[in-house]
Amino acid sequence: MPLIVEAEVVAGDWDPDIGWAALAARAAETALSLTAHACLAGGDFATEISVRFSDDAEVWQLNAAYRHKDKPTNVLSFPMVQPDLLDALSNGDDGEALLGDIVLAAETVAAEAAAKRIGVEAHATHLIVHGTLHLLGYDHGTDDDAERMEAIERDALARLGLPDPYGLDDEA
């Protein structure tokens, strides 16, 4: 079964003319396809990711509650499966697996996009790729981990027709 990406705009100034659900699905599917867990999108069970397009107020609240950081951030990921159990998902018998939730903050995403001189769509795509990788156990806590995660992000964004998001940091 394919990856199911449930996406919803719940708050914030997300352009209503942009197909956010389709954007979220493309970003998550592309990220997943480039990992060792690509088989999760083609198994005999449903694999689901939830993407919530929200605002700084909600993300600030979530960041404070779950990460003990009293500020908004661009994206939060809430994995529902421990990384060491991802490979065992295909052996389950319940027919579905929820990988987790991704929540984006409209104001922070827009401000970062403006600072990088890129569109909100492109930046949100990058953040959904980034968030999906977090759901799959990737992290950037060490230089080696960051390099591995960023390489997948670069590859995913290139496949989606977007530039290297880390090459833009020096230009902002």
N, C-alpha and C. Protein backbone atom coordinates (compact mmCIF):
# COMPACT_ATOMS: atom_id res chain seq x y z
N MET A 1 0.84 -1.18 0.00
CA MET A 1 0.00 0.00 0.00
C MET A 1 0.89 1.24 0.00
N PRO A 2 0.43 2.30 -0.57
CA PRO A 2 1.24 3.52 -0.59
C PRO A 2 1.25 4.20 0.78
N LEU A 3 2.16 5.11 0.94
CA LEU A 3 2.20 5.95 2.12
C LEU A 3 0.97 6.86 2.11
N ILE A 4 0.30 6.97 3.23
CA ILE A 4 -0.84 7.87 3.36
C ILE A 4 -0.37 9.08 4.14
N VAL A 5 -0.53 10.25 3.56
CA VAL A 5 -0.17 11.49 4.24
C VAL A 5 -1.45 12.30 4.43
N GLU A 6 -1.85 12.42 5.66
CA GLU A 6 -3.03 13.22 6.02
C GLU A 6 -2.52 14.61 6.37
N ALA A 7 -2.96 15.61 5.64
CA ALA A 7 -2.50 16.98 5.88
C ALA A 7 -3.69 17.90 6.05
N GLU A 8 -3.53 18.85 6.97
CA GLU A 8 -4.61 19.77 7.26
C GLU A 8 -4.05 21.13 7.66
N VAL A 9 -4.66 22.18 7.11
CA VAL A 9 -4.34 23.54 7.54
C VAL A 9 -5.30 23.86 8.67
N VAL A 10 -4.77 24.12 9.86
CA VAL A 10 -5.63 24.36 11.02
C VAL A 10 -5.52 25.77 11.57
N ALA A 11 -4.43 26.47 11.27
CA ALA A 11 -4.23 27.83 11.76
C ALA A 11 -3.10 28.46 10.96
N GLY A 12 -2.97 29.75 11.06
CA GLY A 12 -1.88 30.44 10.38
C GLY A 12 -2.27 30.92 9.00
N ASP A 13 -1.40 31.72 8.44
CA ASP A 13 -1.65 32.34 7.13
C ASP A 13 -1.01 31.50 6.03
N TRP A 14 -1.54 30.31 5.80
CA TRP A 14 -1.08 29.43 4.74
C TRP A 14 -1.90 29.76 3.50
N ASP A 15 -1.24 30.10 2.40
CA ASP A 15 -1.92 30.49 1.17
C ASP A 15 -2.94 29.43 0.75
N PRO A 16 -4.24 29.80 0.70
CA PRO A 16 -5.27 28.82 0.37
C PRO A 16 -5.22 28.33 -1.08
N ASP A 17 -4.46 29.01 -1.93
CA ASP A 17 -4.36 28.60 -3.33
C ASP A 17 -3.29 27.52 -3.56
N ILE A 18 -2.55 27.20 -2.52
CA ILE A 18 -1.51 26.18 -2.64
C ILE A 18 -2.08 24.85 -2.16
N GLY A 19 -1.81 23.82 -2.88
CA GLY A 19 -2.28 22.48 -2.50
C GLY A 19 -1.36 21.90 -1.44
N TRP A 20 -1.58 22.31 -0.20
CA TRP A 20 -0.68 21.90 0.89
C TRP A 20 -0.70 20.39 1.12
N ALA A 21 -1.85 19.75 0.95
CA ALA A 21 -1.92 18.30 1.16
C ALA A 21 -1.07 17.57 0.12
N ALA A 22 -1.17 17.98 -1.13
CA ALA A 22 -0.37 17.35 -2.19
C ALA A 22 1.12 17.63 -1.98
N LEU A 23 1.46 18.84 -1.57
CA LEU A 23 2.85 19.20 -1.29
C LEU A 23 3.40 18.32 -0.17
N ALA A 24 2.61 18.16 0.90
CA ALA A 24 3.05 17.34 2.03
C ALA A 24 3.25 15.89 1.60
N ALA A 25 2.34 15.37 0.80
CA ALA A 25 2.46 13.98 0.33
C ALA A 25 3.71 13.79 -0.51
N ARG A 26 3.95 14.70 -1.46
CA ARG A 26 5.15 14.59 -2.31
C ARG A 26 6.43 14.64 -1.47
N ALA A 27 6.49 15.57 -0.54
CA ALA A 27 7.69 15.73 0.28
C ALA A 27 7.93 14.50 1.15
N ALA A 28 6.90 14.02 1.83
CA ALA A 28 7.06 12.86 2.71
C ALA A 28 7.39 11.59 1.92
N GLU A 29 6.70 11.38 0.80
CA GLU A 29 6.97 10.20 -0.03
C GLU A 29 8.39 10.21 -0.56
N THR A 30 8.85 11.36 -1.00
CA THR A 30 10.20 11.46 -1.54
C THR A 30 11.23 11.20 -0.46
N ALA A 31 11.04 11.79 0.72
CA ALA A 31 11.97 11.56 1.82
C ALA A 31 12.02 10.09 2.19
N LEU A 32 10.86 9.47 2.36
CA LEU A 32 10.80 8.06 2.73
C LEU A 32 11.49 7.18 1.69
N SER A 33 11.30 7.50 0.42
CA SER A 33 11.85 6.67 -0.66
C SER A 33 13.37 6.63 -0.66
N LEU A 34 14.02 7.59 -0.02
CA LEU A 34 15.47 7.69 -0.03
C LEU A 34 16.12 7.10 1.22
N THR A 35 15.32 6.45 2.04
CA THR A 35 15.84 5.89 3.28
C THR A 35 15.84 4.37 3.24
N ALA A 36 16.44 3.79 4.24
CA ALA A 36 16.45 2.33 4.37
C ALA A 36 15.05 1.80 4.67
N HIS A 37 14.12 2.68 4.97
CA HIS A 37 12.75 2.28 5.31
C HIS A 37 11.77 2.51 4.17
N ALA A 38 12.28 2.65 2.96
CA ALA A 38 11.42 2.90 1.78
C ALA A 38 10.34 1.83 1.63
N CYS A 39 10.62 0.63 2.09
CA CYS A 39 9.64 -0.46 1.96
C CYS A 39 8.37 -0.18 2.75
N LEU A 40 8.40 0.74 3.68
CA LEU A 40 7.19 1.06 4.45
C LEU A 40 6.09 1.64 3.57
N ALA A 41 6.45 2.15 2.41
CA ALA A 41 5.45 2.73 1.51
C ALA A 41 4.94 1.72 0.50
N GLY A 42 5.42 0.52 0.54
CA GLY A 42 4.99 -0.46 -0.46
C GLY A 42 4.59 -1.79 0.13
N GLY A 43 4.40 -1.83 1.43
CA GLY A 43 4.09 -3.10 2.07
C GLY A 43 2.61 -3.47 1.96
N ASP A 44 2.24 -4.50 2.66
CA ASP A 44 0.87 -4.98 2.67
C ASP A 44 0.02 -4.28 3.72
N PHE A 45 0.56 -3.23 4.30
CA PHE A 45 -0.14 -2.50 5.34
C PHE A 45 -0.07 -1.01 5.03
N ALA A 46 -0.92 -0.25 5.64
CA ALA A 46 -0.93 1.20 5.43
C ALA A 46 0.05 1.87 6.39
N THR A 47 0.85 2.75 5.86
CA THR A 47 1.75 3.56 6.66
C THR A 47 1.28 5.00 6.54
N GLU A 48 1.12 5.66 7.68
CA GLU A 48 0.54 7.00 7.67
C GLU A 48 1.41 8.01 8.40
N ILE A 49 1.42 9.23 7.85
CA ILE A 49 2.04 10.40 8.46
C ILE A 49 0.99 11.49 8.48
N SER A 50 0.93 12.22 9.57
CA SER A 50 0.03 13.36 9.67
C SER A 50 0.85 14.64 9.61
N VAL A 51 0.43 15.59 8.76
CA VAL A 51 1.09 16.88 8.66
C VAL A 51 0.07 17.96 9.01
N ARG A 52 0.42 18.77 9.97
CA ARG A 52 -0.47 19.81 10.48
C ARG A 52 0.16 21.17 10.17
N PHE A 53 -0.52 21.96 9.33
CA PHE A 53 -0.07 23.31 9.02
C PHE A 53 -0.74 24.24 10.02
N SER A 54 0.05 24.75 10.95
CA SER A 54 -0.50 25.52 12.06
C SER A 54 0.18 26.88 12.15
N ASP A 55 0.21 27.44 13.35
CA ASP A 55 0.79 28.76 13.54
C ASP A 55 1.81 28.74 14.69
N ASP A 56 2.48 29.86 14.86
CA ASP A 56 3.51 29.95 15.89
C ASP A 56 2.95 29.70 17.29
N ALA A 57 1.73 30.14 17.55
CA ALA A 57 1.15 29.99 18.88
C ALA A 57 1.04 28.51 19.26
N GLU A 58 0.51 27.70 18.36
CA GLU A 58 0.38 26.27 18.68
C GLU A 58 1.75 25.60 18.77
N VAL A 59 2.64 25.91 17.84
CA VAL A 59 3.96 25.28 17.85
C VAL A 59 4.74 25.70 19.09
N TRP A 60 4.59 26.95 19.51
CA TRP A 60 5.23 27.43 20.74
C TRP A 60 4.75 26.58 21.91
N GLN A 61 3.45 26.38 21.99
CA GLN A 61 2.86 25.59 23.06
C GLN A 61 3.38 24.15 23.05
N LEU A 62 3.42 23.55 21.88
CA LEU A 62 3.93 22.17 21.75
C LEU A 62 5.42 22.10 22.08
N ASN A 63 6.18 23.08 21.62
CA ASN A 63 7.61 23.11 21.86
C ASN A 63 7.89 23.22 23.36
N ALA A 64 7.10 24.03 24.05
CA ALA A 64 7.27 24.19 25.50
C ALA A 64 6.89 22.91 26.23
N ALA A 65 5.79 22.30 25.83
CA ALA A 65 5.29 21.11 26.52
C ALA A 65 6.17 19.88 26.29
N TYR A 66 6.65 19.68 25.07
CA TYR A 66 7.35 18.45 24.74
C TYR A 66 8.87 18.57 24.66
N ARG A 67 9.37 19.78 24.41
CA ARG A 67 10.82 19.94 24.28
C ARG A 67 11.37 20.90 25.33
N HIS A 68 10.49 21.46 26.14
CA HIS A 68 10.86 22.40 27.21
C HIS A 68 11.62 23.61 26.67
N LYS A 69 11.21 24.05 25.48
CA LYS A 69 11.78 25.25 24.85
C LYS A 69 10.65 26.26 24.70
N ASP A 70 10.78 27.38 25.38
CA ASP A 70 9.71 28.37 25.45
C ASP A 70 9.79 29.35 24.28
N LYS A 71 9.60 28.82 23.07
CA LYS A 71 9.61 29.63 21.86
C LYS A 71 9.03 28.81 20.72
N PRO A 72 8.59 29.47 19.67
CA PRO A 72 8.15 28.71 18.50
C PRO A 72 9.37 28.21 17.73
N THR A 73 9.14 27.28 16.86
CA THR A 73 10.17 26.77 15.96
C THR A 73 9.49 26.51 14.63
N ASN A 74 10.25 26.21 13.60
CA ASN A 74 9.65 26.06 12.28
C ASN A 74 8.85 24.76 12.13
N VAL A 75 9.39 23.66 12.64
CA VAL A 75 8.72 22.36 12.49
C VAL A 75 9.00 21.50 13.70
N LEU A 76 8.01 20.73 14.08
CA LEU A 76 8.16 19.74 15.13
C LEU A 76 7.74 18.39 14.58
N SER A 77 8.43 17.35 15.00
CA SER A 77 8.08 15.98 14.61
C SER A 77 7.83 15.17 15.86
N PHE A 78 6.78 14.38 15.81
CA PHE A 78 6.41 13.53 16.93
C PHE A 78 6.33 12.08 16.44
N PRO A 79 7.44 11.34 16.52
CA PRO A 79 7.45 9.94 16.07
C PRO A 79 6.54 9.08 16.95
N MET A 80 5.86 8.15 16.32
CA MET A 80 4.99 7.22 17.04
C MET A 80 5.61 5.82 17.12
N VAL A 81 6.71 5.62 16.40
CA VAL A 81 7.39 4.33 16.39
C VAL A 81 8.86 4.55 16.74
N GLN A 82 9.36 3.77 17.67
CA GLN A 82 10.77 3.86 18.01
C GLN A 82 11.60 3.46 16.80
N PRO A 83 12.70 4.17 16.54
CA PRO A 83 13.51 3.85 15.35
C PRO A 83 13.93 2.38 15.24
N ASP A 84 14.23 1.75 16.37
CA ASP A 84 14.67 0.35 16.32
C ASP A 84 13.53 -0.62 16.04
N LEU A 85 12.29 -0.12 16.01
CA LEU A 85 11.15 -0.98 15.71
C LEU A 85 10.59 -0.76 14.30
N LEU A 86 11.15 0.18 13.55
CA LEU A 86 10.64 0.48 12.21
C LEU A 86 10.69 -0.74 11.29
N ASP A 87 11.78 -1.49 11.35
CA ASP A 87 11.91 -2.65 10.47
C ASP A 87 10.88 -3.73 10.79
N ALA A 88 10.40 -3.77 12.01
CA ALA A 88 9.44 -4.79 12.42
C ALA A 88 8.00 -4.44 12.01
N LEU A 89 7.76 -3.22 11.53
CA LEU A 89 6.40 -2.82 11.19
C LEU A 89 5.77 -3.73 10.15
N SER A 90 6.54 -4.18 9.19
CA SER A 90 5.98 -5.02 8.13
C SER A 90 5.56 -6.39 8.65
N ASN A 91 5.98 -6.75 9.85
CA ASN A 91 5.60 -8.02 10.44
C ASN A 91 4.34 -7.92 11.29
N GLY A 92 3.81 -6.70 11.43
CA GLY A 92 2.61 -6.50 12.24
C GLY A 92 1.38 -7.06 11.57
N ASP A 93 0.33 -7.25 12.34
CA ASP A 93 -0.88 -7.83 11.78
C ASP A 93 -2.08 -6.89 11.87
N ASP A 94 -1.85 -5.64 12.25
CA ASP A 94 -3.00 -4.74 12.39
C ASP A 94 -3.31 -3.97 11.11
N GLY A 95 -2.50 -4.12 10.08
CA GLY A 95 -2.81 -3.51 8.80
C GLY A 95 -2.44 -2.06 8.62
N GLU A 96 -1.96 -1.42 9.68
CA GLU A 96 -1.55 -0.02 9.53
C GLU A 96 -0.53 0.37 10.57
N ALA A 97 0.24 1.41 10.23
CA ALA A 97 1.24 1.93 11.15
C ALA A 97 1.27 3.44 11.02
N LEU A 98 1.08 4.12 12.13
CA LEU A 98 1.19 5.57 12.14
C LEU A 98 2.63 5.92 12.50
N LEU A 99 3.36 6.50 11.53
CA LEU A 99 4.76 6.87 11.79
C LEU A 99 4.85 8.05 12.73
N GLY A 100 3.91 9.00 12.61
CA GLY A 100 3.94 10.14 13.51
C GLY A 100 3.34 11.38 12.89
N ASP A 101 3.52 12.47 13.63
CA ASP A 101 2.95 13.76 13.27
C ASP A 101 4.04 14.79 13.02
N ILE A 102 3.78 15.66 12.06
CA ILE A 102 4.66 16.79 11.75
C ILE A 102 3.81 18.05 11.85
N VAL A 103 4.31 19.06 12.56
CA VAL A 103 3.57 20.31 12.73
C VAL A 103 4.45 21.47 12.31
N LEU A 104 3.93 22.32 11.40
CA LEU A 104 4.67 23.48 10.92
C LEU A 104 4.03 24.76 11.44
N ALA A 105 4.86 25.77 11.70
CA ALA A 105 4.42 27.07 12.22
C ALA A 105 4.49 28.12 11.11
N ALA A 106 3.34 28.61 10.71
CA ALA A 106 3.24 29.51 9.55
C ALA A 106 4.14 30.74 9.64
N GLU A 107 4.11 31.45 10.73
CA GLU A 107 4.86 32.70 10.82
C GLU A 107 6.37 32.46 10.77
N THR A 108 6.83 31.44 11.48
CA THR A 108 8.26 31.14 11.47
C THR A 108 8.70 30.64 10.10
N VAL A 109 7.90 29.79 9.48
CA VAL A 109 8.23 29.28 8.14
C VAL A 109 8.30 30.45 7.15
N ALA A 110 7.34 31.35 7.21
CA ALA A 110 7.33 32.50 6.30
C ALA A 110 8.52 33.41 6.53
N ALA A 111 8.86 33.67 7.78
CA ALA A 111 10.01 34.54 8.08
C ALA A 111 11.32 33.92 7.60
N GLU A 112 11.49 32.62 7.82
CA GLU A 112 12.70 31.94 7.36
C GLU A 112 12.77 31.93 5.84
N ALA A 113 11.65 31.68 5.20
CA ALA A 113 11.62 31.68 3.73
C ALA A 113 12.02 33.05 3.19
N ALA A 114 11.49 34.10 3.78
CA ALA A 114 11.83 35.46 3.36
C ALA A 114 13.32 35.73 3.56
N ALA A 115 13.86 35.30 4.70
CA ALA A 115 15.28 35.52 4.98
C ALA A 115 16.17 34.77 3.99
N LYS A 116 15.72 33.61 3.53
CA LYS A 116 16.48 32.81 2.55
C LYS A 116 16.17 33.23 1.12
N ARG A 117 15.21 34.11 0.97
CA ARG A 117 14.75 34.58 -0.34
C ARG A 117 14.24 33.42 -1.20
N ILE A 118 13.44 32.56 -0.57
CA ILE A 118 12.79 31.47 -1.28
C ILE A 118 11.30 31.51 -0.96
N GLY A 119 10.52 30.79 -1.70
CA GLY A 119 9.09 30.75 -1.45
C GLY A 119 8.73 29.91 -0.23
N VAL A 120 7.61 30.24 0.35
CA VAL A 120 7.11 29.47 1.50
C VAL A 120 6.88 28.01 1.11
N GLU A 121 6.40 27.78 -0.09
CA GLU A 121 6.18 26.40 -0.56
C GLU A 121 7.48 25.59 -0.52
N ALA A 122 8.55 26.19 -1.03
CA ALA A 122 9.83 25.49 -1.07
C ALA A 122 10.34 25.22 0.34
N HIS A 123 10.23 26.20 1.21
CA HIS A 123 10.72 26.02 2.58
C HIS A 123 9.87 24.98 3.33
N ALA A 124 8.56 25.04 3.16
CA ALA A 124 7.68 24.07 3.81
C ALA A 124 7.99 22.66 3.30
N THR A 125 8.27 22.53 2.01
CA THR A 125 8.64 21.23 1.45
C THR A 125 9.88 20.69 2.15
N HIS A 126 10.90 21.55 2.28
CA HIS A 126 12.12 21.14 2.96
C HIS A 126 11.82 20.70 4.39
N LEU A 127 11.00 21.46 5.09
CA LEU A 127 10.72 21.14 6.49
C LEU A 127 9.92 19.84 6.63
N ILE A 128 9.08 19.54 5.68
CA ILE A 128 8.34 18.27 5.72
C ILE A 128 9.29 17.10 5.44
N VAL A 129 10.21 17.28 4.49
CA VAL A 129 11.24 16.26 4.27
C VAL A 129 12.02 16.06 5.56
N HIS A 130 12.46 17.15 6.16
CA HIS A 130 13.23 17.11 7.41
C HIS A 130 12.43 16.41 8.51
N GLY A 131 11.18 16.80 8.66
CA GLY A 131 10.33 16.21 9.68
C GLY A 131 10.09 14.73 9.46
N THR A 132 9.91 14.33 8.21
CA THR A 132 9.72 12.92 7.88
C THR A 132 10.94 12.11 8.28
N LEU A 133 12.12 12.65 8.02
CA LEU A 133 13.34 11.94 8.41
C LEU A 133 13.42 11.78 9.92
N HIS A 134 12.99 12.80 10.66
CA HIS A 134 12.95 12.66 12.13
C HIS A 134 12.00 11.53 12.54
N LEU A 135 10.87 11.40 11.86
CA LEU A 135 9.93 10.32 12.18
C LEU A 135 10.57 8.95 11.95
N LEU A 136 11.54 8.90 11.06
CA LEU A 136 12.22 7.65 10.72
C LEU A 136 13.49 7.42 11.52
N GLY A 137 13.70 8.26 12.55
CA GLY A 137 14.84 8.07 13.44
C GLY A 137 16.09 8.84 13.09
N TYR A 138 16.06 9.62 12.04
CA TYR A 138 17.23 10.43 11.69
C TYR A 138 17.30 11.63 12.63
N ASP A 139 18.53 12.07 12.91
CA ASP A 139 18.72 13.21 13.78
C ASP A 139 19.96 13.97 13.33
N HIS A 140 20.17 15.11 13.93
CA HIS A 140 21.33 15.93 13.57
C HIS A 140 22.07 16.37 14.82
N GLY A 141 22.10 15.50 15.82
CA GLY A 141 22.75 15.80 17.09
C GLY A 141 24.27 15.80 17.02
N THR A 142 24.83 15.03 16.10
CA THR A 142 26.28 15.02 15.90
C THR A 142 26.57 15.46 14.47
N ASP A 143 27.80 15.82 14.21
CA ASP A 143 28.18 16.24 12.85
C ASP A 143 27.94 15.12 11.85
N ASP A 144 28.29 13.88 12.21
CA ASP A 144 28.09 12.74 11.29
C ASP A 144 26.60 12.52 11.02
N ASP A 145 25.79 12.58 12.07
CA ASP A 145 24.34 12.40 11.90
C ASP A 145 23.76 13.52 11.04
N ALA A 146 24.21 14.75 11.28
CA ALA A 146 23.72 15.89 10.51
C ALA A 146 24.10 15.75 9.04
N GLU A 147 25.32 15.33 8.77
CA GLU A 147 25.76 15.15 7.38
C GLU A 147 24.93 14.09 6.68
N ARG A 148 24.64 13.00 7.37
CA ARG A 148 23.84 11.91 6.79
C ARG A 148 22.42 12.39 6.51
N MET A 149 21.82 13.09 7.46
CA MET A 149 20.45 13.57 7.30
C MET A 149 20.37 14.63 6.21
N GLU A 150 21.31 15.57 6.22
CA GLU A 150 21.32 16.64 5.22
C GLU A 150 21.54 16.11 3.81
N ALA A 151 22.32 15.05 3.67
CA ALA A 151 22.53 14.45 2.34
C ALA A 151 21.21 13.92 1.78
N ILE A 152 20.42 13.28 2.63
CA ILE A 152 19.12 12.78 2.18
C ILE A 152 18.20 13.95 1.85
N GLU A 153 18.23 14.99 2.68
CA GLU A 153 17.40 16.17 2.40
C GLU A 153 17.77 16.80 1.06
N ARG A 154 19.06 16.95 0.81
CA ARG A 154 19.51 17.53 -0.46
C ARG A 154 19.01 16.70 -1.65
N ASP A 155 19.17 15.38 -1.52
CA ASP A 155 18.75 14.47 -2.59
C ASP A 155 17.23 14.57 -2.80
N ALA A 156 16.48 14.56 -1.72
CA ALA A 156 15.01 14.64 -1.82
C ALA A 156 14.59 15.95 -2.49
N LEU A 157 15.18 17.04 -2.07
CA LEU A 157 14.79 18.33 -2.64
C LEU A 157 15.21 18.44 -4.10
N ALA A 158 16.35 17.88 -4.45
CA ALA A 158 16.76 17.89 -5.86
C ALA A 158 15.75 17.11 -6.70
N ARG A 159 15.29 15.97 -6.19
CA ARG A 159 14.29 15.18 -6.91
C ARG A 159 12.96 15.93 -7.04
N LEU A 160 12.71 16.85 -6.11
CA LEU A 160 11.49 17.66 -6.15
C LEU A 160 11.70 18.97 -6.91
N GLY A 161 12.90 19.13 -7.50
CA GLY A 161 13.18 20.32 -8.30
C GLY A 161 13.52 21.55 -7.48
N LEU A 162 14.00 21.35 -6.25
CA LEU A 162 14.32 22.47 -5.36
C LEU A 162 15.81 22.51 -5.07
N PRO A 163 16.34 23.70 -4.80
CA PRO A 163 17.78 23.84 -4.56
C PRO A 163 18.20 23.30 -3.19
N ASP A 164 19.50 23.16 -3.02
CA ASP A 164 20.11 22.74 -1.77
C ASP A 164 19.74 23.74 -0.68
N PRO A 165 19.00 23.32 0.34
CA PRO A 165 18.58 24.26 1.38
C PRO A 165 19.73 24.72 2.26
N TYR A 166 20.79 23.94 2.34
CA TYR A 166 21.90 24.32 3.19
C TYR A 166 22.87 25.23 2.46
N GLY A 167 22.89 25.18 1.16
CA GLY A 167 23.71 26.11 0.38
C GLY A 167 23.17 27.52 0.45
N LEU A 168 21.88 27.65 0.81
CA LEU A 168 21.26 28.98 0.92
C LEU A 168 21.62 29.69 2.20
N ASP A 169 22.06 28.96 3.23
CA ASP A 169 22.32 29.57 4.53
C ASP A 169 23.36 30.68 4.45
N ASP A 170 24.36 30.50 3.61
CA ASP A 170 25.41 31.51 3.51
C ASP A 170 24.93 32.78 2.81
N GLU A 171 23.85 32.67 2.04
CA GLU A 171 23.38 33.82 1.27
C GLU A 171 22.37 34.66 2.05
N ALA A 172 21.79 34.11 3.09
CA ALA A 172 20.74 34.83 3.84
C ALA A 172 21.28 35.95 4.67
